[in-house]
ModelCIF file with pLDDT and N, C-alpha, C, O atoms, coordinates in Angstrom:
data_MODEL
#
_entry.id   MODEL 
#
_entity.id                         1 
_entity.type                       polymer 
_entity.pdbx_number_of_molecules   1 
#
_entity_poly.entity_id                      1 
_entity_poly.type                           'polypeptide(L)' 
_entity_poly.nstd_linkage                   no 
_entity_poly.nstd_monomer                   no 
_entity_poly.pdbx_seq_one_letter_code       PKVPVFETTYFDPNKSNISPTASKALDRNGMLLKDNPKVKVEIGGHS 
_entity_poly.pdbx_seq_one_letter_code_can   PKVPVFETTYFDPNKSNISPTASKALDRNGMLLKDNPKVKVEIGGHS 
_entity_poly.pdbx_strand_id                 A 
#
loop_
_entity_poly_seq.entity_id 
_entity_poly_seq.num 
_entity_poly_seq.mon_id 
_entity_poly_seq.hetero 
1 1  PRO n 
1 2  LYS n 
1 3  VAL n 
1 4  PRO n 
1 5  VAL n 
1 6  PHE n 
1 7  GLU n 
1 8  THR n 
1 9  THR n 
1 10 TYR n 
1 11 PHE n 
1 12 ASP n 
1 13 PRO n 
1 14 ASN n 
1 15 LYS n 
1 16 SER n 
1 17 ASN n 
1 18 ILE n 
1 19 SER n 
1 20 PRO n 
1 21 THR n 
1 22 ALA n 
1 23 SER n 
1 24 LYS n 
1 25 ALA n 
1 26 LEU n 
1 27 ASP n 
1 28 ARG n 
1 29 ASN n 
1 30 GLY n 
1 31 MET n 
1 32 LEU n 
1 33 LEU n 
1 34 LYS n 
1 35 ASP n 
1 36 ASN n 
1 37 PRO n 
1 38 LYS n 
1 39 VAL n 
1 40 LYS n 
1 41 VAL n 
1 42 GLU n 
1 43 ILE n 
1 44 GLY n 
1 45 GLY n 
1 46 HIS n 
1 47 SER n 
#
_struct_asym.id          A 
_struct_asym.entity_id   1 
#
loop_
_ma_qa_metric.id 
_ma_qa_metric.mode 
_ma_qa_metric.name 
_ma_qa_metric.software_group_id 
_ma_qa_metric.type 
1 global pLDDT . pLDDT 
2 local  pLDDT . pLDDT 
#
_ma_qa_metric_global.metric_id      1 
_ma_qa_metric_global.metric_value   93.06 
_ma_qa_metric_global.model_id       1 
_ma_qa_metric_global.ordinal_id     1 
#
loop_
_ma_qa_metric_local.label_asym_id 
_ma_qa_metric_local.label_comp_id 
_ma_qa_metric_local.label_seq_id 
_ma_qa_metric_local.metric_id 
_ma_qa_metric_local.metric_value 
_ma_qa_metric_local.model_id 
_ma_qa_metric_local.ordinal_id 
A PRO 1  2 68.00 1 1  
A LYS 2  2 70.00 1 2  
A VAL 3  2 70.00 1 3  
A PRO 4  2 76.00 1 4  
A VAL 5  2 86.00 1 5  
A PHE 6  2 93.00 1 6  
A GLU 7  2 95.00 1 7  
A THR 8  2 95.00 1 8  
A THR 9  2 96.00 1 9  
A TYR 10 2 96.00 1 10 
A PHE 11 2 96.00 1 11 
A ASP 12 2 95.00 1 12 
A PRO 13 2 94.00 1 13 
A ASN 14 2 94.00 1 14 
A LYS 15 2 95.00 1 15 
A SER 16 2 95.00 1 16 
A ASN 17 2 95.00 1 17 
A ILE 18 2 96.00 1 18 
A SER 19 2 94.00 1 19 
A PRO 20 2 94.00 1 20 
A THR 21 2 93.00 1 21 
A ALA 22 2 95.00 1 22 
A SER 23 2 96.00 1 23 
A LYS 24 2 96.00 1 24 
A ALA 25 2 96.00 1 25 
A LEU 26 2 97.00 1 26 
A ASP 27 2 97.00 1 27 
A ARG 28 2 96.00 1 28 
A ASN 29 2 96.00 1 29 
A GLY 30 2 97.00 1 30 
A MET 31 2 96.00 1 31 
A LEU 32 2 95.00 1 32 
A LEU 33 2 96.00 1 33 
A LYS 34 2 96.00 1 34 
A ASP 35 2 94.00 1 35 
A ASN 36 2 93.00 1 36 
A PRO 37 2 94.00 1 37 
A LYS 38 2 93.00 1 38 
A VAL 39 2 94.00 1 39 
A LYS 40 2 95.00 1 40 
A VAL 41 2 96.00 1 41 
A GLU 42 2 96.00 1 42 
A ILE 43 2 97.00 1 43 
A GLY 44 2 97.00 1 44 
A GLY 45 2 97.00 1 45 
A HIS 46 2 97.00 1 46 
A SER 47 2 96.00 1 47 
#
loop_
_atom_site.group_PDB 
_atom_site.id 
_atom_site.type_symbol 
_atom_site.label_atom_id 
_atom_site.label_alt_id 
_atom_site.label_comp_id 
_atom_site.label_asym_id 
_atom_site.label_entity_id 
_atom_site.label_seq_id 
_atom_site.pdbx_PDB_ins_code 
_atom_site.Cartn_x 
_atom_site.Cartn_y 
_atom_site.Cartn_z 
_atom_site.occupancy 
_atom_site.B_iso_or_equiv 
_atom_site.pdbx_formal_charge 
_atom_site.auth_seq_id 
_atom_site.auth_comp_id 
_atom_site.auth_asym_id 
_atom_site.auth_atom_id 
_atom_site.pdbx_PDB_model_num 
ATOM 1   N N  . PRO A 1 1  ? -40.844 17.481 -71.448 1.00 68.00 ? 1  PRO A N  1 
ATOM 2   C CA . PRO A 1 1  ? -41.375 18.330 -72.510 1.00 68.00 ? 1  PRO A CA 1 
ATOM 3   C C  . PRO A 1 1  ? -41.160 19.803 -72.177 1.00 68.00 ? 1  PRO A C  1 
ATOM 4   O O  . PRO A 1 1  ? -41.196 20.214 -71.018 1.00 68.00 ? 1  PRO A O  1 
ATOM 5   N N  . LYS A 1 2  ? -40.940 20.568 -73.213 1.00 70.00 ? 2  LYS A N  1 
ATOM 6   C CA . LYS A 1 2  ? -40.736 21.997 -73.002 1.00 70.00 ? 2  LYS A CA 1 
ATOM 7   C C  . LYS A 1 2  ? -42.059 22.652 -72.647 1.00 70.00 ? 2  LYS A C  1 
ATOM 8   O O  . LYS A 1 2  ? -43.079 22.442 -73.304 1.00 70.00 ? 2  LYS A O  1 
ATOM 9   N N  . VAL A 1 3  ? -42.012 23.431 -71.614 1.00 70.00 ? 3  VAL A N  1 
ATOM 10  C CA . VAL A 1 3  ? -43.208 24.141 -71.166 1.00 70.00 ? 3  VAL A CA 1 
ATOM 11  C C  . VAL A 1 3  ? -43.078 25.588 -71.635 1.00 70.00 ? 3  VAL A C  1 
ATOM 12  O O  . VAL A 1 3  ? -42.077 26.244 -71.348 1.00 70.00 ? 3  VAL A O  1 
ATOM 13  N N  . PRO A 1 4  ? -44.077 26.085 -72.351 1.00 76.00 ? 4  PRO A N  1 
ATOM 14  C CA . PRO A 1 4  ? -43.982 27.466 -72.807 1.00 76.00 ? 4  PRO A CA 1 
ATOM 15  C C  . PRO A 1 4  ? -43.967 28.428 -71.620 1.00 76.00 ? 4  PRO A C  1 
ATOM 16  O O  . PRO A 1 4  ? -44.656 28.220 -70.622 1.00 76.00 ? 4  PRO A O  1 
ATOM 17  N N  . VAL A 1 5  ? -43.178 29.469 -71.752 1.00 86.00 ? 5  VAL A N  1 
ATOM 18  C CA . VAL A 1 5  ? -43.093 30.491 -70.710 1.00 86.00 ? 5  VAL A CA 1 
ATOM 19  C C  . VAL A 1 5  ? -43.788 31.749 -71.252 1.00 86.00 ? 5  VAL A C  1 
ATOM 20  O O  . VAL A 1 5  ? -43.344 32.369 -72.219 1.00 86.00 ? 5  VAL A O  1 
ATOM 21  N N  . PHE A 1 6  ? -44.870 32.086 -70.602 1.00 93.00 ? 6  PHE A N  1 
ATOM 22  C CA . PHE A 1 6  ? -45.661 33.221 -71.045 1.00 93.00 ? 6  PHE A CA 1 
ATOM 23  C C  . PHE A 1 6  ? -45.168 34.504 -70.388 1.00 93.00 ? 6  PHE A C  1 
ATOM 24  O O  . PHE A 1 6  ? -44.630 34.499 -69.281 1.00 93.00 ? 6  PHE A O  1 
ATOM 25  N N  . GLU A 1 7  ? -45.370 35.596 -71.105 1.00 95.00 ? 7  GLU A N  1 
ATOM 26  C CA . GLU A 1 7  ? -44.959 36.896 -70.593 1.00 95.00 ? 7  GLU A CA 1 
ATOM 27  C C  . GLU A 1 7  ? -46.103 37.578 -69.859 1.00 95.00 ? 7  GLU A C  1 
ATOM 28  O O  . GLU A 1 7  ? -47.276 37.407 -70.191 1.00 95.00 ? 7  GLU A O  1 
ATOM 29  N N  . THR A 1 8  ? -45.728 38.348 -68.861 1.00 95.00 ? 8  THR A N  1 
ATOM 30  C CA . THR A 1 8  ? -46.699 39.144 -68.129 1.00 95.00 ? 8  THR A CA 1 
ATOM 31  C C  . THR A 1 8  ? -46.995 40.400 -68.938 1.00 95.00 ? 8  THR A C  1 
ATOM 32  O O  . THR A 1 8  ? -46.102 40.994 -69.541 1.00 95.00 ? 8  THR A O  1 
ATOM 33  N N  . THR A 1 9  ? -48.256 40.788 -68.938 1.00 96.00 ? 9  THR A N  1 
ATOM 34  C CA . THR A 1 9  ? -48.682 41.989 -69.655 1.00 96.00 ? 9  THR A CA 1 
ATOM 35  C C  . THR A 1 9  ? -49.028 43.056 -68.618 1.00 96.00 ? 9  THR A C  1 
ATOM 36  O O  . THR A 1 9  ? -49.765 42.787 -67.669 1.00 96.00 ? 9  THR A O  1 
ATOM 37  N N  . TYR A 1 10 ? -48.498 44.265 -68.799 1.00 96.00 ? 10 TYR A N  1 
ATOM 38  C CA . TYR A 1 10 ? -48.709 45.346 -67.825 1.00 96.00 ? 10 TYR A CA 1 
ATOM 39  C C  . TYR A 1 10 ? -49.657 46.400 -68.397 1.00 96.00 ? 10 TYR A C  1 
ATOM 40  O O  . TYR A 1 10 ? -49.745 46.590 -69.610 1.00 96.00 ? 10 TYR A O  1 
ATOM 41  N N  . PHE A 1 11 ? -50.376 47.090 -67.475 1.00 96.00 ? 11 PHE A N  1 
ATOM 42  C CA . PHE A 1 11 ? -51.394 48.076 -67.851 1.00 96.00 ? 11 PHE A CA 1 
ATOM 43  C C  . PHE A 1 11 ? -51.156 49.391 -67.130 1.00 96.00 ? 11 PHE A C  1 
ATOM 44  O O  . PHE A 1 11 ? -50.520 49.444 -66.078 1.00 96.00 ? 11 PHE A O  1 
ATOM 45  N N  . ASP A 1 12 ? -51.690 50.460 -67.733 1.00 95.00 ? 12 ASP A N  1 
ATOM 46  C CA . ASP A 1 12 ? -51.637 51.792 -67.118 1.00 95.00 ? 12 ASP A CA 1 
ATOM 47  C C  . ASP A 1 12 ? -52.678 51.861 -65.995 1.00 95.00 ? 12 ASP A C  1 
ATOM 48  O O  . ASP A 1 12 ? -53.608 51.055 -65.966 1.00 95.00 ? 12 ASP A O  1 
ATOM 49  N N  . PRO A 1 13 ? -52.529 52.816 -65.073 1.00 94.00 ? 13 PRO A N  1 
ATOM 50  C CA . PRO A 1 13 ? -53.498 52.923 -63.963 1.00 94.00 ? 13 PRO A CA 1 
ATOM 51  C C  . PRO A 1 13 ? -54.927 53.108 -64.486 1.00 94.00 ? 13 PRO A C  1 
ATOM 52  O O  . PRO A 1 13 ? -55.174 53.884 -65.409 1.00 94.00 ? 13 PRO A O  1 
ATOM 53  N N  . ASN A 1 14 ? -55.849 52.381 -63.877 1.00 94.00 ? 14 ASN A N  1 
ATOM 54  C CA . ASN A 1 14 ? -57.279 52.461 -64.201 1.00 94.00 ? 14 ASN A CA 1 
ATOM 55  C C  . ASN A 1 14 ? -57.594 52.197 -65.673 1.00 94.00 ? 14 ASN A C  1 
ATOM 56  O O  . ASN A 1 14 ? -58.616 52.666 -66.175 1.00 94.00 ? 14 ASN A O  1 
ATOM 57  N N  . LYS A 1 15 ? -56.739 51.459 -66.369 1.00 95.00 ? 15 LYS A N  1 
ATOM 58  C CA . LYS A 1 15 ? -56.937 51.184 -67.802 1.00 95.00 ? 15 LYS A CA 1 
ATOM 59  C C  . LYS A 1 15 ? -56.970 49.681 -68.035 1.00 95.00 ? 15 LYS A C  1 
ATOM 60  O O  . LYS A 1 15 ? -56.343 48.904 -67.314 1.00 95.00 ? 15 LYS A O  1 
ATOM 61  N N  . SER A 1 16 ? -57.719 49.295 -69.061 1.00 95.00 ? 16 SER A N  1 
ATOM 62  C CA . SER A 1 16 ? -57.748 47.896 -69.471 1.00 95.00 ? 16 SER A CA 1 
ATOM 63  C C  . SER A 1 16 ? -57.488 47.752 -70.966 1.00 95.00 ? 16 SER A C  1 
ATOM 64  O O  . SER A 1 16 ? -57.532 46.651 -71.515 1.00 95.00 ? 16 SER A O  1 
ATOM 65  N N  . ASN A 1 17 ? -57.213 48.901 -71.625 1.00 95.00 ? 17 ASN A N  1 
ATOM 66  C CA . ASN A 1 17 ? -56.934 48.831 -73.058 1.00 95.00 ? 17 ASN A CA 1 
ATOM 67  C C  . ASN A 1 17 ? -55.504 48.326 -73.294 1.00 95.00 ? 17 ASN A C  1 
ATOM 68  O O  . ASN A 1 17 ? -54.639 48.438 -72.426 1.00 95.00 ? 17 ASN A O  1 
ATOM 69  N N  . ILE A 1 18 ? -55.286 47.778 -74.469 1.00 96.00 ? 18 ILE A N  1 
ATOM 70  C CA . ILE A 1 18 ? -53.991 47.182 -74.821 1.00 96.00 ? 18 ILE A CA 1 
ATOM 71  C C  . ILE A 1 18 ? -53.081 48.274 -75.391 1.00 96.00 ? 18 ILE A C  1 
ATOM 72  O O  . ILE A 1 18 ? -53.342 48.816 -76.465 1.00 96.00 ? 18 ILE A O  1 
ATOM 73  N N  . SER A 1 19 ? -52.017 48.583 -74.661 1.00 94.00 ? 19 SER A N  1 
ATOM 74  C CA . SER A 1 19 ? -51.025 49.572 -75.115 1.00 94.00 ? 19 SER A CA 1 
ATOM 75  C C  . SER A 1 19 ? -50.072 48.897 -76.101 1.00 94.00 ? 19 SER A C  1 
ATOM 76  O O  . SER A 1 19 ? -50.079 47.671 -76.212 1.00 94.00 ? 19 SER A O  1 
ATOM 77  N N  . PRO A 1 20 ? -49.254 49.667 -76.819 1.00 94.00 ? 20 PRO A N  1 
ATOM 78  C CA . PRO A 1 20 ? -48.266 49.050 -77.731 1.00 94.00 ? 20 PRO A CA 1 
ATOM 79  C C  . PRO A 1 20 ? -47.312 48.092 -76.997 1.00 94.00 ? 20 PRO A C  1 
ATOM 80  O O  . PRO A 1 20 ? -46.944 47.048 -77.534 1.00 94.00 ? 20 PRO A O  1 
ATOM 81  N N  . THR A 1 21 ? -46.921 48.452 -75.781 1.00 93.00 ? 21 THR A N  1 
ATOM 82  C CA . THR A 1 21 ? -46.039 47.569 -75.010 1.00 93.00 ? 21 THR A CA 1 
ATOM 83  C C  . THR A 1 21 ? -46.770 46.280 -74.636 1.00 93.00 ? 21 THR A C  1 
ATOM 84  O O  . THR A 1 21 ? -46.205 45.190 -74.732 1.00 93.00 ? 21 THR A O  1 
ATOM 85  N N  . ALA A 1 22 ? -48.020 46.408 -74.211 1.00 95.00 ? 22 ALA A N  1 
ATOM 86  C CA . ALA A 1 22 ? -48.818 45.235 -73.848 1.00 95.00 ? 22 ALA A CA 1 
ATOM 87  C C  . ALA A 1 22 ? -49.054 44.343 -75.063 1.00 95.00 ? 22 ALA A C  1 
ATOM 88  O O  . ALA A 1 22 ? -49.069 43.118 -74.942 1.00 95.00 ? 22 ALA A O  1 
ATOM 89  N N  . SER A 1 23 ? -49.239 44.955 -76.235 1.00 96.00 ? 23 SER A N  1 
ATOM 90  C CA . SER A 1 23 ? -49.500 44.148 -77.436 1.00 96.00 ? 23 SER A CA 1 
ATOM 91  C C  . SER A 1 23 ? -48.292 43.287 -77.798 1.00 96.00 ? 23 SER A C  1 
ATOM 92  O O  . SER A 1 23 ? -48.456 42.179 -78.310 1.00 96.00 ? 23 SER A O  1 
ATOM 93  N N  . LYS A 1 24 ? -47.095 43.775 -77.541 1.00 96.00 ? 24 LYS A N  1 
ATOM 94  C CA . LYS A 1 24 ? -45.892 42.967 -77.835 1.00 96.00 ? 24 LYS A CA 1 
ATOM 95  C C  . LYS A 1 24 ? -45.871 41.714 -76.962 1.00 96.00 ? 24 LYS A C  1 
ATOM 96  O O  . LYS A 1 24 ? -45.584 40.622 -77.453 1.00 96.00 ? 24 LYS A O  1 
ATOM 97  N N  . ALA A 1 25 ? -46.170 41.861 -75.680 1.00 96.00 ? 25 ALA A N  1 
ATOM 98  C CA . ALA A 1 25 ? -46.198 40.698 -74.782 1.00 96.00 ? 25 ALA A CA 1 
ATOM 99  C C  . ALA A 1 25 ? -47.338 39.759 -75.180 1.00 96.00 ? 25 ALA A C  1 
ATOM 100 O O  . ALA A 1 25 ? -47.160 38.541 -75.194 1.00 96.00 ? 25 ALA A O  1 
ATOM 101 N N  . LEU A 1 26 ? -48.489 40.310 -75.499 1.00 97.00 ? 26 LEU A N  1 
ATOM 102 C CA . LEU A 1 26 ? -49.625 39.470 -75.895 1.00 97.00 ? 26 LEU A CA 1 
ATOM 103 C C  . LEU A 1 26 ? -49.359 38.763 -77.224 1.00 97.00 ? 26 LEU A C  1 
ATOM 104 O O  . LEU A 1 26 ? -49.805 37.634 -77.426 1.00 97.00 ? 26 LEU A O  1 
ATOM 105 N N  . ASP A 1 27 ? -48.639 39.419 -78.124 1.00 97.00 ? 27 ASP A N  1 
ATOM 106 C CA . ASP A 1 27 ? -48.291 38.769 -79.396 1.00 97.00 ? 27 ASP A CA 1 
ATOM 107 C C  . ASP A 1 27 ? -47.400 37.546 -79.146 1.00 97.00 ? 27 ASP A C  1 
ATOM 108 O O  . ASP A 1 27 ? -47.593 36.497 -79.761 1.00 97.00 ? 27 ASP A O  1 
ATOM 109 N N  . ARG A 1 28 ? -46.429 37.686 -78.247 1.00 96.00 ? 28 ARG A N  1 
ATOM 110 C CA . ARG A 1 28 ? -45.571 36.540 -77.931 1.00 96.00 ? 28 ARG A CA 1 
ATOM 111 C C  . ARG A 1 28 ? -46.402 35.416 -77.297 1.00 96.00 ? 28 ARG A C  1 
ATOM 112 O O  . ARG A 1 28 ? -46.212 34.242 -77.616 1.00 96.00 ? 28 ARG A O  1 
ATOM 113 N N  . ASN A 1 29 ? -47.311 35.781 -76.410 1.00 96.00 ? 29 ASN A N  1 
ATOM 114 C CA . ASN A 1 29 ? -48.169 34.780 -75.773 1.00 96.00 ? 29 ASN A CA 1 
ATOM 115 C C  . ASN A 1 29 ? -49.109 34.124 -76.786 1.00 96.00 ? 29 ASN A C  1 
ATOM 116 O O  . ASN A 1 29 ? -49.349 32.918 -76.731 1.00 96.00 ? 29 ASN A O  1 
ATOM 117 N N  . GLY A 1 30 ? -49.633 34.923 -77.704 1.00 97.00 ? 30 GLY A N  1 
ATOM 118 C CA . GLY A 1 30 ? -50.512 34.383 -78.746 1.00 97.00 ? 30 GLY A CA 1 
ATOM 119 C C  . GLY A 1 30 ? -49.774 33.384 -79.627 1.00 97.00 ? 30 GLY A C  1 
ATOM 120 O O  . GLY A 1 30 ? -50.336 32.352 -79.993 1.00 97.00 ? 30 GLY A O  1 
ATOM 121 N N  . MET A 1 31 ? -48.529 33.675 -79.969 1.00 96.00 ? 31 MET A N  1 
ATOM 122 C CA . MET A 1 31 ? -47.726 32.752 -80.781 1.00 96.00 ? 31 MET A CA 1 
ATOM 123 C C  . MET A 1 31 ? -47.442 31.463 -80.009 1.00 96.00 ? 31 MET A C  1 
ATOM 124 O O  . MET A 1 31 ? -47.463 30.376 -80.587 1.00 96.00 ? 31 MET A O  1 
ATOM 125 N N  . LEU A 1 32 ? -47.178 31.581 -78.715 1.00 95.00 ? 32 LEU A N  1 
ATOM 126 C CA . LEU A 1 32 ? -46.953 30.377 -77.899 1.00 95.00 ? 32 LEU A CA 1 
ATOM 127 C C  . LEU A 1 32 ? -48.199 29.496 -77.887 1.00 95.00 ? 32 LEU A C  1 
ATOM 128 O O  . LEU A 1 32 ? -48.102 28.274 -78.006 1.00 95.00 ? 32 LEU A O  1 
ATOM 129 N N  . LEU A 1 33 ? -49.357 30.111 -77.745 1.00 96.00 ? 33 LEU A N  1 
ATOM 130 C CA . LEU A 1 33 ? -50.598 29.338 -77.755 1.00 96.00 ? 33 LEU A CA 1 
ATOM 131 C C  . LEU A 1 33 ? -50.847 28.706 -79.129 1.00 96.00 ? 33 LEU A C  1 
ATOM 132 O O  . LEU A 1 33 ? -51.315 27.571 -79.222 1.00 96.00 ? 33 LEU A O  1 
ATOM 133 N N  . LYS A 1 34 ? -50.538 29.435 -80.165 1.00 96.00 ? 34 LYS A N  1 
ATOM 134 C CA . LYS A 1 34 ? -50.731 28.918 -81.522 1.00 96.00 ? 34 LYS A CA 1 
ATOM 135 C C  . LYS A 1 34 ? -49.772 27.746 -81.782 1.00 96.00 ? 34 LYS A C  1 
ATOM 136 O O  . LYS A 1 34 ? -50.157 26.764 -82.417 1.00 96.00 ? 34 LYS A O  1 
ATOM 137 N N  . ASP A 1 35 ? -48.537 27.844 -81.299 1.00 94.00 ? 35 ASP A N  1 
ATOM 138 C CA . ASP A 1 35 ? -47.529 26.796 -81.509 1.00 94.00 ? 35 ASP A CA 1 
ATOM 139 C C  . ASP A 1 35 ? -47.719 25.587 -80.597 1.00 94.00 ? 35 ASP A C  1 
ATOM 140 O O  . ASP A 1 35 ? -47.138 24.529 -80.840 1.00 94.00 ? 35 ASP A O  1 
ATOM 141 N N  . ASN A 1 36 ? -48.519 25.736 -79.564 1.00 93.00 ? 36 ASN A N  1 
ATOM 142 C CA . ASN A 1 36 ? -48.758 24.655 -78.599 1.00 93.00 ? 36 ASN A CA 1 
ATOM 143 C C  . ASN A 1 36 ? -50.266 24.435 -78.459 1.00 93.00 ? 36 ASN A C  1 
ATOM 144 O O  . ASN A 1 36 ? -50.862 24.847 -77.464 1.00 93.00 ? 36 ASN A O  1 
ATOM 145 N N  . PRO A 1 37 ? -50.881 23.791 -79.444 1.00 94.00 ? 37 PRO A N  1 
ATOM 146 C CA . PRO A 1 37 ? -52.338 23.712 -79.490 1.00 94.00 ? 37 PRO A CA 1 
ATOM 147 C C  . PRO A 1 37 ? -52.988 22.916 -78.356 1.00 94.00 ? 37 PRO A C  1 
ATOM 148 O O  . PRO A 1 37 ? -54.204 22.991 -78.186 1.00 94.00 ? 37 PRO A O  1 
ATOM 149 N N  . LYS A 1 38 ? -52.224 22.167 -77.588 1.00 93.00 ? 38 LYS A N  1 
ATOM 150 C CA . LYS A 1 38 ? -52.811 21.404 -76.481 1.00 93.00 ? 38 LYS A CA 1 
ATOM 151 C C  . LYS A 1 38 ? -52.776 22.171 -75.161 1.00 93.00 ? 38 LYS A C  1 
ATOM 152 O O  . LYS A 1 38 ? -53.346 21.728 -74.164 1.00 93.00 ? 38 LYS A O  1 
ATOM 153 N N  . VAL A 1 39 ? -52.111 23.313 -75.160 1.00 94.00 ? 39 VAL A N  1 
ATOM 154 C CA . VAL A 1 39 ? -51.968 24.087 -73.925 1.00 94.00 ? 39 VAL A CA 1 
ATOM 155 C C  . VAL A 1 39 ? -53.232 24.905 -73.673 1.00 94.00 ? 39 VAL A C  1 
ATOM 156 O O  . VAL A 1 39 ? -53.764 25.559 -74.571 1.00 94.00 ? 39 VAL A O  1 
ATOM 157 N N  . LYS A 1 40 ? -53.699 24.849 -72.410 1.00 95.00 ? 40 LYS A N  1 
ATOM 158 C CA . LYS A 1 40 ? -54.814 25.686 -71.961 1.00 95.00 ? 40 LYS A CA 1 
ATOM 159 C C  . LYS A 1 40 ? -54.267 26.618 -70.888 1.00 95.00 ? 40 LYS A C  1 
ATOM 160 O O  . LYS A 1 40 ? -53.393 26.238 -70.108 1.00 95.00 ? 40 LYS A O  1 
ATOM 161 N N  . VAL A 1 41 ? -54.788 27.838 -70.857 1.00 96.00 ? 41 VAL A N  1 
ATOM 162 C CA . VAL A 1 41 ? -54.281 28.817 -69.894 1.00 96.00 ? 41 VAL A CA 1 
ATOM 163 C C  . VAL A 1 41 ? -55.403 29.484 -69.114 1.00 96.00 ? 41 VAL A C  1 
ATOM 164 O O  . VAL A 1 41 ? -56.547 29.590 -69.556 1.00 96.00 ? 41 VAL A O  1 
ATOM 165 N N  . GLU A 1 42 ? -55.010 29.922 -67.940 1.00 96.00 ? 42 GLU A N  1 
ATOM 166 C CA . GLU A 1 42 ? -55.852 30.829 -67.166 1.00 96.00 ? 42 GLU A CA 1 
ATOM 167 C C  . GLU A 1 42 ? -55.227 32.199 -67.344 1.00 96.00 ? 42 GLU A C  1 
ATOM 168 O O  . GLU A 1 42 ? -54.023 32.370 -67.157 1.00 96.00 ? 42 GLU A O  1 
ATOM 169 N N  . ILE A 1 43 ? -56.042 33.167 -67.703 1.00 97.00 ? 43 ILE A N  1 
ATOM 170 C CA . ILE A 1 43 ? -55.574 34.541 -67.826 1.00 97.00 ? 43 ILE A CA 1 
ATOM 171 C C  . ILE A 1 43 ? -56.027 35.253 -66.560 1.00 97.00 ? 43 ILE A C  1 
ATOM 172 O O  . ILE A 1 43 ? -57.209 35.539 -66.372 1.00 97.00 ? 43 ILE A O  1 
ATOM 173 N N  . GLY A 1 44 ? -55.055 35.529 -65.699 1.00 97.00 ? 44 GLY A N  1 
ATOM 174 C CA . GLY A 1 44 ? -55.371 36.134 -64.408 1.00 97.00 ? 44 GLY A CA 1 
ATOM 175 C C  . GLY A 1 44 ? -55.136 37.635 -64.436 1.00 97.00 ? 44 GLY A C  1 
ATOM 176 O O  . GLY A 1 44 ? -54.037 38.100 -64.739 1.00 97.00 ? 44 GLY A O  1 
ATOM 177 N N  . GLY A 1 45 ? -56.194 38.394 -64.113 1.00 97.00 ? 45 GLY A N  1 
ATOM 178 C CA . GLY A 1 45 ? -56.090 39.851 -64.069 1.00 97.00 ? 45 GLY A CA 1 
ATOM 179 C C  . GLY A 1 45 ? -55.780 40.320 -62.656 1.00 97.00 ? 45 GLY A C  1 
ATOM 180 O O  . GLY A 1 45 ? -56.332 39.804 -61.685 1.00 97.00 ? 45 GLY A O  1 
ATOM 181 N N  . HIS A 1 46 ? -54.890 41.305 -62.549 1.00 97.00 ? 46 HIS A N  1 
ATOM 182 C CA . HIS A 1 46 ? -54.465 41.845 -61.250 1.00 97.00 ? 46 HIS A CA 1 
ATOM 183 C C  . HIS A 1 46 ? -54.518 43.369 -61.289 1.00 97.00 ? 46 HIS A C  1 
ATOM 184 O O  . HIS A 1 46 ? -54.477 43.988 -62.352 1.00 97.00 ? 46 HIS A O  1 
ATOM 185 N N  . SER A 1 47 ? -54.610 43.947 -60.104 1.00 96.00 ? 47 SER A N  1 
ATOM 186 C CA . SER A 1 47 ? -54.602 45.409 -59.994 1.00 96.00 ? 47 SER A CA 1 
ATOM 187 C C  . SER A 1 47 ? -53.659 45.813 -58.874 1.00 96.00 ? 47 SER A C  1 
ATOM 188 O O  . SER A 1 47 ? -53.496 47.003 -58.603 1.00 96.00 ? 47 SER A O  1 
#
């Protein structure tokens, strides 16, 4: 079975808000989750 490949989302220093660049990656990830309703994910935050 095809496994969805999620994109990494990057952030500015000391920021957690969603930039326009981050929103593009999150939009692709959101569509993957919507198209694959049985998939569960861990969203791991890094600094």
